[in-house]
Amino acid sequence: MLEARNIQKIYKSGNKELAVLKGVDVKIDQGKFVAIVGPSGAGKSTLLHILGGLDAPTEGVVSFEGEDLYNLSDIALSEIRNRRIGFVFQFYHLLSEFTVVENILMPAWIGGGYSLKCQLKEEVTRLLERVGLSERAQHFPSQLSGGEQQRVAILRALINRPRLLLCDEPTGNLDSGRGEEILNLIKKINTENQMAVVLVTHNLELTRGADRVYHLKDGILVN
């Protein structure tokens, strides 16, 4: 489903260069749960953003379902990010002025699904029931706990039924109990939907149950 070859990322500041990724190769198959582990500052988030079409590599190729992401037009790449890739971040990035339902629906509306409003709301209702948030549907983010906000963020990532879910330290702002809850939800989604999942974390405990674990250190990815 996803293959990255010789991914390099170099940041420049004046005459200085910082090589964060130094020739990373990785493959992710459909329905697999892949974890990427490394210390803070190792470049995990940078790699995830490159895999998801958010940040172009300095060198290398990212192929998603046969398409070279960084040879696509901005419009085509944006459509892939919207419809076929879901993102879950450490910071929930919910829009404070919108309700839970509206936050979840946002990617679908942006992708042109506003005309399917009734059908989409049925899907949101089903998703909210699945994660025990039905009674929070009309609440605003400020009225939710951290764990509830992260569950909403996950549902937002799922509304367009993507083929790939990218998770960047999704439990980093939660206590251990809530973190375990979120991790179990991600694993359940991976199994039931046959959706590929890539999780980056500094916490080895979160890799339990992963089909493959990579370690990122000094810009190199080791299987």
N, C-alpha and C. Protein backbone atom coordinates (compact mmCIF):
# COMPACT_ATOMS: atom_id res chain seq x y z
N MET A 1 0.82 -1.20 0.00
CA MET A 1 0.00 0.00 0.00
C MET A 1 0.85 1.26 0.00
N LEU A 2 1.85 1.30 0.86
CA LEU A 2 2.71 2.48 0.99
C LEU A 2 4.16 2.03 0.99
N GLU A 3 4.97 2.69 0.17
CA GLU A 3 6.39 2.38 0.14
C GLU A 3 7.18 3.67 0.06
N ALA A 4 8.16 3.80 0.94
CA ALA A 4 9.06 4.95 0.92
C ALA A 4 10.47 4.45 0.67
N ARG A 5 11.17 5.10 -0.24
CA ARG A 5 12.52 4.66 -0.62
C ARG A 5 13.50 5.83 -0.52
N ASN A 6 14.58 5.58 0.21
CA ASN A 6 15.69 6.53 0.33
C ASN A 6 15.21 7.92 0.77
N ILE A 7 14.38 7.94 1.81
CA ILE A 7 13.84 9.22 2.28
C ILE A 7 14.91 9.97 3.07
N GLN A 8 15.23 11.14 2.58
CA GLN A 8 16.15 12.04 3.26
C GLN A 8 15.46 13.37 3.52
N LYS A 9 15.75 13.93 4.67
CA LYS A 9 15.21 15.24 5.00
C LYS A 9 16.31 16.07 5.64
N ILE A 10 16.63 17.18 4.98
CA ILE A 10 17.69 18.06 5.46
C ILE A 10 17.10 19.44 5.68
N TYR A 11 17.29 19.97 6.87
CA TYR A 11 16.86 21.34 7.18
C TYR A 11 18.08 22.25 7.11
N LYS A 12 17.88 23.43 6.51
CA LYS A 12 18.98 24.38 6.36
C LYS A 12 18.70 25.63 7.19
N SER A 13 19.73 26.10 7.85
CA SER A 13 19.67 27.36 8.60
C SER A 13 20.96 28.12 8.31
N GLY A 14 20.84 29.11 7.43
CA GLY A 14 22.05 29.81 7.01
C GLY A 14 22.97 28.87 6.26
N ASN A 15 24.21 28.77 6.71
CA ASN A 15 25.18 27.87 6.08
C ASN A 15 25.19 26.47 6.69
N LYS A 16 24.35 26.26 7.68
CA LYS A 16 24.33 24.98 8.39
C LYS A 16 23.22 24.08 7.86
N GLU A 17 23.50 22.77 7.87
CA GLU A 17 22.52 21.78 7.46
C GLU A 17 22.34 20.75 8.58
N LEU A 18 21.09 20.37 8.79
CA LEU A 18 20.77 19.33 9.78
C LEU A 18 20.05 18.21 9.05
N ALA A 19 20.71 17.05 8.98
CA ALA A 19 20.12 15.88 8.33
C ALA A 19 19.32 15.10 9.36
N VAL A 20 18.01 15.15 9.26
CA VAL A 20 17.13 14.46 10.21
C VAL A 20 16.88 13.02 9.78
N LEU A 21 16.63 12.82 8.49
CA LEU A 21 16.44 11.48 7.94
C LEU A 21 17.52 11.23 6.90
N LYS A 22 18.16 10.05 6.97
CA LYS A 22 19.36 9.80 6.18
C LYS A 22 19.23 8.56 5.30
N GLY A 23 18.15 8.49 4.55
CA GLY A 23 17.98 7.35 3.65
C GLY A 23 17.08 6.28 4.23
N VAL A 24 15.85 6.65 4.57
CA VAL A 24 14.91 5.73 5.21
C VAL A 24 14.13 4.95 4.14
N ASP A 25 14.02 3.64 4.35
CA ASP A 25 13.20 2.77 3.51
C ASP A 25 12.17 2.09 4.39
N VAL A 26 10.91 2.08 3.94
CA VAL A 26 9.87 1.42 4.73
C VAL A 26 8.73 1.01 3.81
N LYS A 27 8.12 -0.15 4.11
CA LYS A 27 6.94 -0.62 3.39
C LYS A 27 5.82 -0.90 4.39
N ILE A 28 4.61 -0.52 4.03
CA ILE A 28 3.44 -0.80 4.86
C ILE A 28 2.40 -1.50 3.99
N ASP A 29 2.00 -2.70 4.38
CA ASP A 29 1.01 -3.47 3.63
C ASP A 29 -0.40 -3.18 4.15
N GLN A 30 -1.37 -3.44 3.30
CA GLN A 30 -2.77 -3.23 3.67
C GLN A 30 -3.13 -4.01 4.93
N GLY A 31 -3.81 -3.32 5.85
CA GLY A 31 -4.31 -3.97 7.05
C GLY A 31 -3.29 -4.21 8.14
N LYS A 32 -2.04 -3.79 7.94
CA LYS A 32 -1.00 -4.03 8.93
C LYS A 32 -0.89 -2.87 9.92
N PHE A 33 -0.45 -3.20 11.11
CA PHE A 33 -0.23 -2.22 12.17
C PHE A 33 1.28 -2.11 12.37
N VAL A 34 1.82 -0.97 11.99
CA VAL A 34 3.26 -0.74 12.04
C VAL A 34 3.56 0.35 13.07
N ALA A 35 4.53 0.11 13.93
CA ALA A 35 4.95 1.09 14.93
C ALA A 35 6.37 1.56 14.62
N ILE A 36 6.58 2.86 14.78
CA ILE A 36 7.91 3.45 14.62
C ILE A 36 8.29 4.10 15.94
N VAL A 37 9.37 3.62 16.54
CA VAL A 37 9.77 4.04 17.88
C VAL A 37 11.07 4.82 17.79
N GLY A 38 11.19 5.81 18.65
CA GLY A 38 12.45 6.56 18.72
C GLY A 38 12.35 7.65 19.75
N PRO A 39 13.48 8.15 20.22
CA PRO A 39 13.47 9.21 21.22
C PRO A 39 12.96 10.52 20.63
N SER A 40 12.62 11.45 21.51
CA SER A 40 12.19 12.77 21.06
C SER A 40 13.30 13.41 20.22
N GLY A 41 12.90 14.02 19.12
CA GLY A 41 13.87 14.66 18.24
C GLY A 41 14.51 13.74 17.22
N ALA A 42 14.09 12.48 17.19
CA ALA A 42 14.71 11.52 16.26
C ALA A 42 14.22 11.70 14.83
N GLY A 43 13.12 12.41 14.64
CA GLY A 43 12.58 12.61 13.30
C GLY A 43 11.34 11.78 13.01
N LYS A 44 10.71 11.23 14.05
CA LYS A 44 9.53 10.37 13.85
C LYS A 44 8.38 11.15 13.20
N SER A 45 8.08 12.31 13.75
CA SER A 45 6.98 13.10 13.20
C SER A 45 7.30 13.57 11.79
N THR A 46 8.54 13.94 11.55
CA THR A 46 8.95 14.34 10.21
C THR A 46 8.71 13.21 9.21
N LEU A 47 9.10 12.00 9.58
CA LEU A 47 8.89 10.85 8.71
C LEU A 47 7.41 10.61 8.48
N LEU A 48 6.60 10.70 9.53
CA LEU A 48 5.17 10.46 9.39
C LEU A 48 4.54 11.50 8.46
N HIS A 49 4.94 12.75 8.60
CA HIS A 49 4.41 13.80 7.74
C HIS A 49 4.79 13.55 6.28
N ILE A 50 5.99 13.05 6.05
CA ILE A 50 6.41 12.74 4.68
C ILE A 50 5.60 11.57 4.13
N LEU A 51 5.38 10.54 4.94
CA LEU A 51 4.59 9.39 4.49
C LEU A 51 3.16 9.78 4.17
N GLY A 52 2.64 10.80 4.87
CA GLY A 52 1.26 11.21 4.67
C GLY A 52 1.06 12.33 3.68
N GLY A 53 2.11 12.76 3.01
CA GLY A 53 1.94 13.80 2.01
C GLY A 53 1.86 15.20 2.56
N LEU A 54 2.30 15.39 3.81
CA LEU A 54 2.24 16.71 4.43
C LEU A 54 3.53 17.51 4.26
N ASP A 55 4.64 16.83 4.04
CA ASP A 55 5.94 17.50 3.99
C ASP A 55 6.85 16.76 3.01
N ALA A 56 7.28 17.42 1.96
CA ALA A 56 8.08 16.76 0.92
C ALA A 56 9.48 16.43 1.44
N PRO A 57 10.00 15.27 1.08
CA PRO A 57 11.38 14.93 1.46
C PRO A 57 12.37 15.73 0.64
N THR A 58 13.57 15.89 1.16
CA THR A 58 14.64 16.52 0.39
C THR A 58 15.03 15.61 -0.78
N GLU A 59 15.07 14.32 -0.52
CA GLU A 59 15.29 13.32 -1.56
C GLU A 59 14.46 12.09 -1.22
N GLY A 60 14.20 11.27 -2.25
CA GLY A 60 13.48 10.02 -2.03
C GLY A 60 12.09 10.03 -2.66
N VAL A 61 11.46 8.85 -2.64
CA VAL A 61 10.16 8.65 -3.27
C VAL A 61 9.19 8.03 -2.28
N VAL A 62 7.97 8.55 -2.25
CA VAL A 62 6.89 7.96 -1.45
C VAL A 62 5.78 7.54 -2.41
N SER A 63 5.51 6.25 -2.46
CA SER A 63 4.50 5.71 -3.35
C SER A 63 3.32 5.20 -2.51
N PHE A 64 2.14 5.74 -2.77
CA PHE A 64 0.93 5.33 -2.04
C PHE A 64 -0.07 4.77 -3.04
N GLU A 65 -0.36 3.47 -2.89
CA GLU A 65 -1.26 2.76 -3.80
C GLU A 65 -0.89 3.02 -5.26
N GLY A 66 0.42 2.98 -5.52
CA GLY A 66 0.93 3.08 -6.88
C GLY A 66 1.15 4.49 -7.38
N GLU A 67 0.86 5.50 -6.57
CA GLU A 67 1.03 6.88 -7.01
C GLU A 67 2.19 7.53 -6.27
N ASP A 68 3.05 8.20 -7.02
CA ASP A 68 4.19 8.93 -6.45
C ASP A 68 3.66 10.24 -5.87
N LEU A 69 3.55 10.30 -4.55
CA LEU A 69 2.86 11.43 -3.91
C LEU A 69 3.43 12.78 -4.30
N TYR A 70 4.74 12.87 -4.34
CA TYR A 70 5.35 14.19 -4.52
C TYR A 70 5.60 14.54 -5.99
N ASN A 71 5.02 13.73 -6.89
CA ASN A 71 4.96 14.11 -8.29
C ASN A 71 3.54 14.50 -8.70
N LEU A 72 2.63 14.51 -7.74
CA LEU A 72 1.25 14.88 -8.00
C LEU A 72 1.08 16.39 -7.90
N SER A 73 0.00 16.90 -8.49
CA SER A 73 -0.35 18.30 -8.32
C SER A 73 -0.82 18.53 -6.89
N ASP A 74 -0.84 19.78 -6.44
CA ASP A 74 -1.32 20.10 -5.10
C ASP A 74 -2.75 19.64 -4.90
N ILE A 75 -3.58 19.80 -5.93
CA ILE A 75 -4.98 19.42 -5.84
C ILE A 75 -5.11 17.90 -5.67
N ALA A 76 -4.38 17.14 -6.49
CA ALA A 76 -4.45 15.68 -6.41
C ALA A 76 -3.92 15.16 -5.08
N LEU A 77 -2.83 15.76 -4.59
CA LEU A 77 -2.27 15.35 -3.31
C LEU A 77 -3.23 15.68 -2.17
N SER A 78 -3.85 16.84 -2.23
CA SER A 78 -4.81 17.23 -1.20
C SER A 78 -6.00 16.27 -1.16
N GLU A 79 -6.42 15.81 -2.34
CA GLU A 79 -7.55 14.87 -2.39
C GLU A 79 -7.18 13.53 -1.75
N ILE A 80 -5.96 13.08 -1.97
CA ILE A 80 -5.52 11.83 -1.34
C ILE A 80 -5.48 11.99 0.18
N ARG A 81 -4.93 13.11 0.65
CA ARG A 81 -4.88 13.34 2.10
C ARG A 81 -6.28 13.40 2.70
N ASN A 82 -7.20 13.98 1.97
CA ASN A 82 -8.56 14.13 2.49
C ASN A 82 -9.34 12.83 2.49
N ARG A 83 -9.23 12.06 1.43
CA ARG A 83 -10.11 10.91 1.24
C ARG A 83 -9.48 9.57 1.60
N ARG A 84 -8.17 9.45 1.48
CA ARG A 84 -7.57 8.12 1.59
C ARG A 84 -6.58 7.98 2.73
N ILE A 85 -6.26 9.07 3.40
CA ILE A 85 -5.34 9.02 4.54
C ILE A 85 -5.96 9.76 5.71
N GLY A 86 -5.98 9.13 6.88
CA GLY A 86 -6.46 9.78 8.09
C GLY A 86 -5.30 10.12 9.01
N PHE A 87 -5.39 11.25 9.70
CA PHE A 87 -4.32 11.70 10.59
C PHE A 87 -4.85 11.88 12.01
N VAL A 88 -4.08 11.36 12.98
CA VAL A 88 -4.39 11.57 14.40
C VAL A 88 -3.11 12.09 15.06
N PHE A 89 -3.19 13.24 15.71
CA PHE A 89 -2.01 13.88 16.28
C PHE A 89 -2.06 13.87 17.81
N GLN A 90 -0.92 14.15 18.42
CA GLN A 90 -0.85 14.24 19.88
C GLN A 90 -1.75 15.35 20.39
N PHE A 91 -1.72 16.49 19.72
CA PHE A 91 -2.60 17.61 20.07
C PHE A 91 -3.83 17.49 19.18
N TYR A 92 -4.99 17.50 19.77
CA TYR A 92 -6.20 17.04 19.10
C TYR A 92 -6.60 17.91 17.90
N HIS A 93 -6.26 19.21 17.94
CA HIS A 93 -6.57 20.12 16.83
C HIS A 93 -8.06 20.14 16.50
N LEU A 94 -8.90 20.06 17.53
CA LEU A 94 -10.33 20.23 17.30
C LEU A 94 -10.63 21.73 17.20
N LEU A 95 -11.64 22.07 16.42
CA LEU A 95 -12.02 23.48 16.24
C LEU A 95 -13.00 23.86 17.34
N SER A 96 -12.59 24.79 18.17
CA SER A 96 -13.31 25.09 19.41
C SER A 96 -14.72 25.61 19.20
N GLU A 97 -14.98 26.26 18.05
CA GLU A 97 -16.29 26.86 17.83
C GLU A 97 -17.29 25.89 17.21
N PHE A 98 -16.86 24.66 16.96
CA PHE A 98 -17.73 23.65 16.35
C PHE A 98 -18.01 22.52 17.34
N THR A 99 -19.18 21.91 17.21
CA THR A 99 -19.56 20.80 18.08
C THR A 99 -18.78 19.54 17.72
N VAL A 100 -18.95 18.51 18.55
CA VAL A 100 -18.32 17.22 18.28
C VAL A 100 -18.71 16.72 16.89
N VAL A 101 -20.01 16.72 16.59
CA VAL A 101 -20.48 16.23 15.29
C VAL A 101 -19.87 17.04 14.16
N GLU A 102 -19.84 18.36 14.30
CA GLU A 102 -19.31 19.22 13.25
C GLU A 102 -17.82 19.01 13.05
N ASN A 103 -17.07 18.81 14.14
CA ASN A 103 -15.65 18.53 14.02
C ASN A 103 -15.40 17.23 13.26
N ILE A 104 -16.19 16.21 13.58
CA ILE A 104 -16.01 14.91 12.91
C ILE A 104 -16.34 15.01 11.42
N LEU A 105 -17.36 15.79 11.10
CA LEU A 105 -17.81 15.91 9.71
C LEU A 105 -16.92 16.80 8.84
N MET A 106 -16.05 17.60 9.47
CA MET A 106 -15.31 18.61 8.73
C MET A 106 -14.55 18.07 7.51
N PRO A 107 -13.79 16.95 7.63
CA PRO A 107 -13.08 16.45 6.44
C PRO A 107 -14.03 16.06 5.31
N ALA A 108 -15.20 15.52 5.66
CA ALA A 108 -16.17 15.13 4.63
C ALA A 108 -16.74 16.36 3.93
N TRP A 109 -17.05 17.40 4.70
CA TRP A 109 -17.56 18.63 4.09
C TRP A 109 -16.51 19.27 3.20
N ILE A 110 -15.27 19.30 3.67
CA ILE A 110 -14.19 19.88 2.86
C ILE A 110 -14.01 19.08 1.57
N GLY A 111 -14.21 17.77 1.66
CA GLY A 111 -14.05 16.91 0.49
C GLY A 111 -15.24 16.90 -0.44
N GLY A 112 -16.23 17.75 -0.17
CA GLY A 112 -17.38 17.84 -1.06
C GLY A 112 -18.56 16.98 -0.65
N GLY A 113 -18.56 16.54 0.58
CA GLY A 113 -19.64 15.67 1.03
C GLY A 113 -20.82 16.38 1.66
N TYR A 114 -20.87 17.69 1.54
CA TYR A 114 -21.95 18.43 2.21
C TYR A 114 -23.31 18.02 1.67
N SER A 115 -23.37 17.65 0.39
CA SER A 115 -24.65 17.24 -0.20
C SER A 115 -25.15 15.92 0.38
N LEU A 116 -24.24 15.17 1.04
CA LEU A 116 -24.62 13.90 1.67
C LEU A 116 -24.82 14.07 3.17
N LYS A 117 -25.26 15.26 3.57
CA LYS A 117 -25.31 15.63 4.98
C LYS A 117 -26.05 14.61 5.83
N CYS A 118 -27.23 14.18 5.40
CA CYS A 118 -28.03 13.24 6.21
C CYS A 118 -27.33 11.90 6.33
N GLN A 119 -26.82 11.39 5.22
CA GLN A 119 -26.12 10.11 5.23
C GLN A 119 -24.88 10.17 6.11
N LEU A 120 -24.15 11.28 6.04
CA LEU A 120 -22.95 11.43 6.83
C LEU A 120 -23.28 11.50 8.32
N LYS A 121 -24.36 12.16 8.66
CA LYS A 121 -24.73 12.26 10.08
C LYS A 121 -25.11 10.89 10.63
N GLU A 122 -25.68 10.03 9.79
CA GLU A 122 -25.95 8.66 10.22
C GLU A 122 -24.65 7.92 10.52
N GLU A 123 -23.64 8.18 9.69
CA GLU A 123 -22.33 7.56 9.90
C GLU A 123 -21.70 8.07 11.19
N VAL A 124 -21.81 9.38 11.45
CA VAL A 124 -21.27 9.96 12.68
C VAL A 124 -21.97 9.36 13.90
N THR A 125 -23.28 9.21 13.82
CA THR A 125 -24.03 8.61 14.93
C THR A 125 -23.52 7.21 15.23
N ARG A 126 -23.27 6.45 14.18
CA ARG A 126 -22.76 5.08 14.35
C ARG A 126 -21.38 5.10 14.99
N LEU A 127 -20.52 6.01 14.53
CA LEU A 127 -19.17 6.09 15.07
C LEU A 127 -19.18 6.53 16.53
N LEU A 128 -20.01 7.50 16.86
CA LEU A 128 -20.08 7.97 18.25
C LEU A 128 -20.56 6.86 19.19
N GLU A 129 -21.51 6.08 18.73
CA GLU A 129 -21.99 4.96 19.54
C GLU A 129 -20.85 3.96 19.76
N ARG A 130 -20.06 3.79 18.74
CA ARG A 130 -18.97 2.80 18.80
C ARG A 130 -17.95 3.14 19.88
N VAL A 131 -17.73 4.45 20.13
CA VAL A 131 -16.72 4.85 21.11
C VAL A 131 -17.34 5.44 22.38
N GLY A 132 -18.66 5.27 22.53
CA GLY A 132 -19.32 5.69 23.76
C GLY A 132 -19.43 7.19 23.95
N LEU A 133 -19.59 7.93 22.85
CA LEU A 133 -19.69 9.39 22.95
C LEU A 133 -21.02 9.93 22.42
N SER A 134 -22.02 9.09 22.33
CA SER A 134 -23.31 9.53 21.78
C SER A 134 -23.87 10.73 22.53
N GLU A 135 -23.72 10.74 23.85
CA GLU A 135 -24.29 11.82 24.64
C GLU A 135 -23.49 13.11 24.54
N ARG A 136 -22.32 13.05 23.88
CA ARG A 136 -21.47 14.23 23.74
C ARG A 136 -21.59 14.88 22.35
N ALA A 137 -22.50 14.39 21.53
CA ALA A 137 -22.56 14.80 20.13
C ALA A 137 -22.63 16.30 19.93
N GLN A 138 -23.40 17.00 20.77
CA GLN A 138 -23.59 18.44 20.61
C GLN A 138 -22.74 19.26 21.57
N HIS A 139 -21.79 18.61 22.23
CA HIS A 139 -20.87 19.34 23.10
C HIS A 139 -19.77 20.00 22.27
N PHE A 140 -19.11 20.98 22.89
CA PHE A 140 -17.97 21.63 22.27
C PHE A 140 -16.68 21.06 22.89
N PRO A 141 -15.56 21.16 22.19
CA PRO A 141 -14.31 20.57 22.69
C PRO A 141 -13.97 20.96 24.12
N SER A 142 -14.26 22.20 24.51
CA SER A 142 -13.93 22.66 25.87
C SER A 142 -14.72 21.92 26.94
N GLN A 143 -15.78 21.23 26.54
CA GLN A 143 -16.62 20.49 27.49
C GLN A 143 -16.22 19.02 27.58
N LEU A 144 -15.15 18.63 26.90
CA LEU A 144 -14.72 17.24 26.87
C LEU A 144 -13.42 17.04 27.62
N SER A 145 -13.23 15.82 28.13
CA SER A 145 -11.95 15.45 28.72
C SER A 145 -10.92 15.22 27.61
N GLY A 146 -9.65 15.07 27.99
CA GLY A 146 -8.61 14.81 27.01
C GLY A 146 -8.86 13.53 26.24
N GLY A 147 -9.25 12.47 26.94
CA GLY A 147 -9.52 11.20 26.28
C GLY A 147 -10.68 11.30 25.31
N GLU A 148 -11.72 12.07 25.71
CA GLU A 148 -12.87 12.25 24.83
C GLU A 148 -12.49 13.05 23.58
N GLN A 149 -11.66 14.08 23.77
CA GLN A 149 -11.23 14.87 22.62
C GLN A 149 -10.41 14.02 21.64
N GLN A 150 -9.57 13.13 22.16
CA GLN A 150 -8.77 12.29 21.27
C GLN A 150 -9.66 11.30 20.53
N ARG A 151 -10.70 10.79 21.19
CA ARG A 151 -11.63 9.90 20.49
C ARG A 151 -12.34 10.63 19.35
N VAL A 152 -12.71 11.88 19.60
CA VAL A 152 -13.33 12.68 18.54
C VAL A 152 -12.36 12.88 17.39
N ALA A 153 -11.09 13.15 17.72
CA ALA A 153 -10.07 13.34 16.68
C ALA A 153 -9.90 12.08 15.84
N ILE A 154 -9.99 10.91 16.48
CA ILE A 154 -9.88 9.66 15.74
C ILE A 154 -11.08 9.47 14.82
N LEU A 155 -12.27 9.79 15.31
CA LEU A 155 -13.46 9.66 14.47
C LEU A 155 -13.40 10.63 13.29
N ARG A 156 -12.88 11.81 13.54
CA ARG A 156 -12.70 12.77 12.43
C ARG A 156 -11.78 12.18 11.35
N ALA A 157 -10.75 11.48 11.79
CA ALA A 157 -9.82 10.86 10.84
C ALA A 157 -10.46 9.71 10.07
N LEU A 158 -11.53 9.13 10.63
CA LEU A 158 -12.16 7.96 10.02
C LEU A 158 -13.36 8.28 9.15
N ILE A 159 -13.88 9.51 9.20
CA ILE A 159 -15.17 9.82 8.59
C ILE A 159 -15.18 9.54 7.09
N ASN A 160 -14.05 9.72 6.41
CA ASN A 160 -14.01 9.46 4.96
C ASN A 160 -13.56 8.05 4.63
N ARG A 161 -13.52 7.19 5.66
CA ARG A 161 -13.13 5.79 5.50
C ARG A 161 -11.80 5.64 4.75
N PRO A 162 -10.73 6.19 5.32
CA PRO A 162 -9.43 6.16 4.66
C PRO A 162 -8.84 4.75 4.62
N ARG A 163 -7.85 4.58 3.76
CA ARG A 163 -7.17 3.30 3.64
C ARG A 163 -5.99 3.21 4.61
N LEU A 164 -5.51 4.37 5.05
CA LEU A 164 -4.31 4.43 5.90
C LEU A 164 -4.56 5.42 7.03
N LEU A 165 -4.22 5.02 8.25
CA LEU A 165 -4.34 5.88 9.42
C LEU A 165 -2.96 6.14 10.00
N LEU A 166 -2.56 7.41 10.08
CA LEU A 166 -1.26 7.81 10.61
C LEU A 166 -1.46 8.46 11.97
N CYS A 167 -0.78 7.93 12.98
CA CYS A 167 -0.97 8.39 14.36
C CYS A 167 0.35 8.89 14.94
N ASP A 168 0.37 10.16 15.32
CA ASP A 168 1.59 10.79 15.83
C ASP A 168 1.47 10.99 17.34
N GLU A 169 2.06 10.09 18.13
CA GLU A 169 2.00 10.15 19.60
C GLU A 169 0.57 10.39 20.08
N PRO A 170 -0.40 9.56 19.66
CA PRO A 170 -1.81 9.85 19.95
C PRO A 170 -2.18 9.76 21.42
N THR A 171 -1.32 9.17 22.24
CA THR A 171 -1.62 9.06 23.68
C THR A 171 -0.73 9.97 24.52
N GLY A 172 0.05 10.82 23.87
CA GLY A 172 1.06 11.61 24.57
C GLY A 172 0.53 12.58 25.60
N ASN A 173 -0.71 13.04 25.42
CA ASN A 173 -1.30 14.00 26.36
C ASN A 173 -2.28 13.36 27.34
N LEU A 174 -2.27 12.03 27.41
CA LEU A 174 -3.25 11.33 28.23
C LEU A 174 -2.58 10.53 29.34
N ASP A 175 -3.33 10.30 30.43
CA ASP A 175 -2.80 9.43 31.48
C ASP A 175 -2.78 8.00 30.97
N SER A 176 -2.17 7.10 31.72
CA SER A 176 -1.95 5.73 31.23
C SER A 176 -3.26 5.01 30.93
N GLY A 177 -4.29 5.24 31.78
CA GLY A 177 -5.58 4.57 31.57
C GLY A 177 -6.24 5.01 30.28
N ARG A 178 -6.30 6.33 30.06
CA ARG A 178 -6.91 6.86 28.84
C ARG A 178 -6.05 6.51 27.63
N GLY A 179 -4.74 6.50 27.82
CA GLY A 179 -3.86 6.14 26.72
C GLY A 179 -4.09 4.71 26.26
N GLU A 180 -4.26 3.82 27.20
CA GLU A 180 -4.54 2.41 26.88
C GLU A 180 -5.86 2.29 26.14
N GLU A 181 -6.83 3.07 26.55
CA GLU A 181 -8.15 3.07 25.90
C GLU A 181 -8.03 3.49 24.43
N ILE A 182 -7.28 4.56 24.18
CA ILE A 182 -7.11 5.05 22.82
C ILE A 182 -6.34 4.03 21.97
N LEU A 183 -5.30 3.43 22.54
CA LEU A 183 -4.52 2.44 21.81
C LEU A 183 -5.38 1.24 21.44
N ASN A 184 -6.21 0.79 22.35
CA ASN A 184 -7.10 -0.34 22.07
C ASN A 184 -8.09 -0.01 20.97
N LEU A 185 -8.56 1.24 20.96
CA LEU A 185 -9.48 1.67 19.91
C LEU A 185 -8.79 1.64 18.55
N ILE A 186 -7.55 2.12 18.49
CA ILE A 186 -6.81 2.13 17.23
C ILE A 186 -6.58 0.70 16.74
N LYS A 187 -6.22 -0.21 17.66
CA LYS A 187 -6.01 -1.60 17.28
C LYS A 187 -7.30 -2.23 16.77
N LYS A 188 -8.41 -1.90 17.41
CA LYS A 188 -9.71 -2.45 16.99
C LYS A 188 -10.06 -1.98 15.59
N ILE A 189 -9.82 -0.71 15.31
CA ILE A 189 -10.08 -0.15 13.99
C ILE A 189 -9.21 -0.85 12.94
N ASN A 190 -7.96 -1.05 13.28
CA ASN A 190 -7.01 -1.73 12.39
C ASN A 190 -7.50 -3.12 12.03
N THR A 191 -7.97 -3.87 13.02
CA THR A 191 -8.40 -5.25 12.80
C THR A 191 -9.72 -5.32 12.05
N GLU A 192 -10.70 -4.54 12.49
CA GLU A 192 -12.04 -4.65 11.92
C GLU A 192 -12.14 -4.05 10.53
N ASN A 193 -11.44 -2.96 10.26
CA ASN A 193 -11.56 -2.27 8.98
C ASN A 193 -10.48 -2.66 7.99
N GLN A 194 -9.52 -3.50 8.41
CA GLN A 194 -8.38 -3.83 7.56
C GLN A 194 -7.71 -2.57 7.01
N MET A 195 -7.62 -1.59 7.88
CA MET A 195 -7.00 -0.31 7.56
C MET A 195 -5.56 -0.34 8.04
N ALA A 196 -4.63 0.02 7.18
CA ALA A 196 -3.23 0.07 7.61
C ALA A 196 -3.07 1.20 8.62
N VAL A 197 -2.28 0.95 9.66
CA VAL A 197 -2.04 1.93 10.71
C VAL A 197 -0.54 2.08 10.91
N VAL A 198 -0.07 3.33 10.94
CA VAL A 198 1.32 3.62 11.31
C VAL A 198 1.28 4.50 12.54
N LEU A 199 1.87 4.01 13.62
CA LEU A 199 1.90 4.71 14.90
C LEU A 199 3.33 5.08 15.23
N VAL A 200 3.60 6.36 15.48
CA VAL A 200 4.93 6.75 15.94
C VAL A 200 4.85 7.13 17.41
N THR A 201 5.85 6.70 18.16
CA THR A 201 5.83 6.92 19.60
C THR A 201 7.25 6.80 20.16
N HIS A 202 7.46 7.36 21.33
CA HIS A 202 8.72 7.16 22.05
C HIS A 202 8.55 6.07 23.10
N ASN A 203 7.31 5.56 23.23
CA ASN A 203 6.98 4.61 24.30
C ASN A 203 6.88 3.19 23.75
N LEU A 204 7.83 2.35 24.10
CA LEU A 204 7.85 0.97 23.60
C LEU A 204 6.61 0.18 24.00
N GLU A 205 6.01 0.52 25.14
CA GLU A 205 4.84 -0.22 25.60
C GLU A 205 3.68 -0.11 24.60
N LEU A 206 3.63 0.98 23.83
CA LEU A 206 2.53 1.18 22.89
C LEU A 206 2.68 0.34 21.64
N THR A 207 3.79 -0.37 21.49
CA THR A 207 4.00 -1.18 20.29
C THR A 207 3.47 -2.60 20.45
N ARG A 208 2.93 -2.91 21.61
CA ARG A 208 2.40 -4.26 21.83
C ARG A 208 1.31 -4.56 20.80
N GLY A 209 1.44 -5.72 20.16
CA GLY A 209 0.43 -6.11 19.19
C GLY A 209 0.70 -5.61 17.78
N ALA A 210 1.75 -4.81 17.59
CA ALA A 210 2.07 -4.33 16.24
C ALA A 210 2.59 -5.47 15.38
N ASP A 211 2.27 -5.45 14.10
CA ASP A 211 2.78 -6.47 13.18
C ASP A 211 4.26 -6.28 12.92
N ARG A 212 4.72 -5.05 13.00
CA ARG A 212 6.14 -4.76 12.77
C ARG A 212 6.52 -3.52 13.56
N VAL A 213 7.72 -3.54 14.13
CA VAL A 213 8.22 -2.40 14.90
C VAL A 213 9.54 -1.95 14.29
N TYR A 214 9.60 -0.67 13.96
CA TYR A 214 10.84 -0.07 13.47
C TYR A 214 11.39 0.86 14.54
N HIS A 215 12.71 0.96 14.58
CA HIS A 215 13.36 1.91 15.49
C HIS A 215 14.07 2.97 14.66
N LEU A 216 13.80 4.23 14.97
CA LEU A 216 14.42 5.34 14.26
C LEU A 216 15.47 5.96 15.17
N LYS A 217 16.71 5.91 14.70
CA LYS A 217 17.82 6.46 15.50
C LYS A 217 18.87 7.01 14.56
N ASP A 218 19.31 8.22 14.85
CA ASP A 218 20.35 8.87 14.04
C ASP A 218 19.98 8.93 12.57
N GLY A 219 18.68 9.11 12.30
CA GLY A 219 18.23 9.29 10.92
C GLY A 219 18.06 8.02 10.13
N ILE A 220 18.25 6.87 10.79
CA ILE A 220 18.16 5.57 10.09
C ILE A 220 17.06 4.74 10.73
N LEU A 221 16.30 4.02 9.90
CA LEU A 221 15.21 3.17 10.37
C LEU A 221 15.65 1.72 10.37
N VAL A 222 15.53 1.07 11.53
CA VAL A 222 15.95 -0.32 11.67
C VAL A 222 14.74 -1.19 11.98
N ASN A 223 14.59 -2.28 11.26
CA ASN A 223 13.45 -3.19 11.48
C ASN A 223 13.78 -4.11 12.65
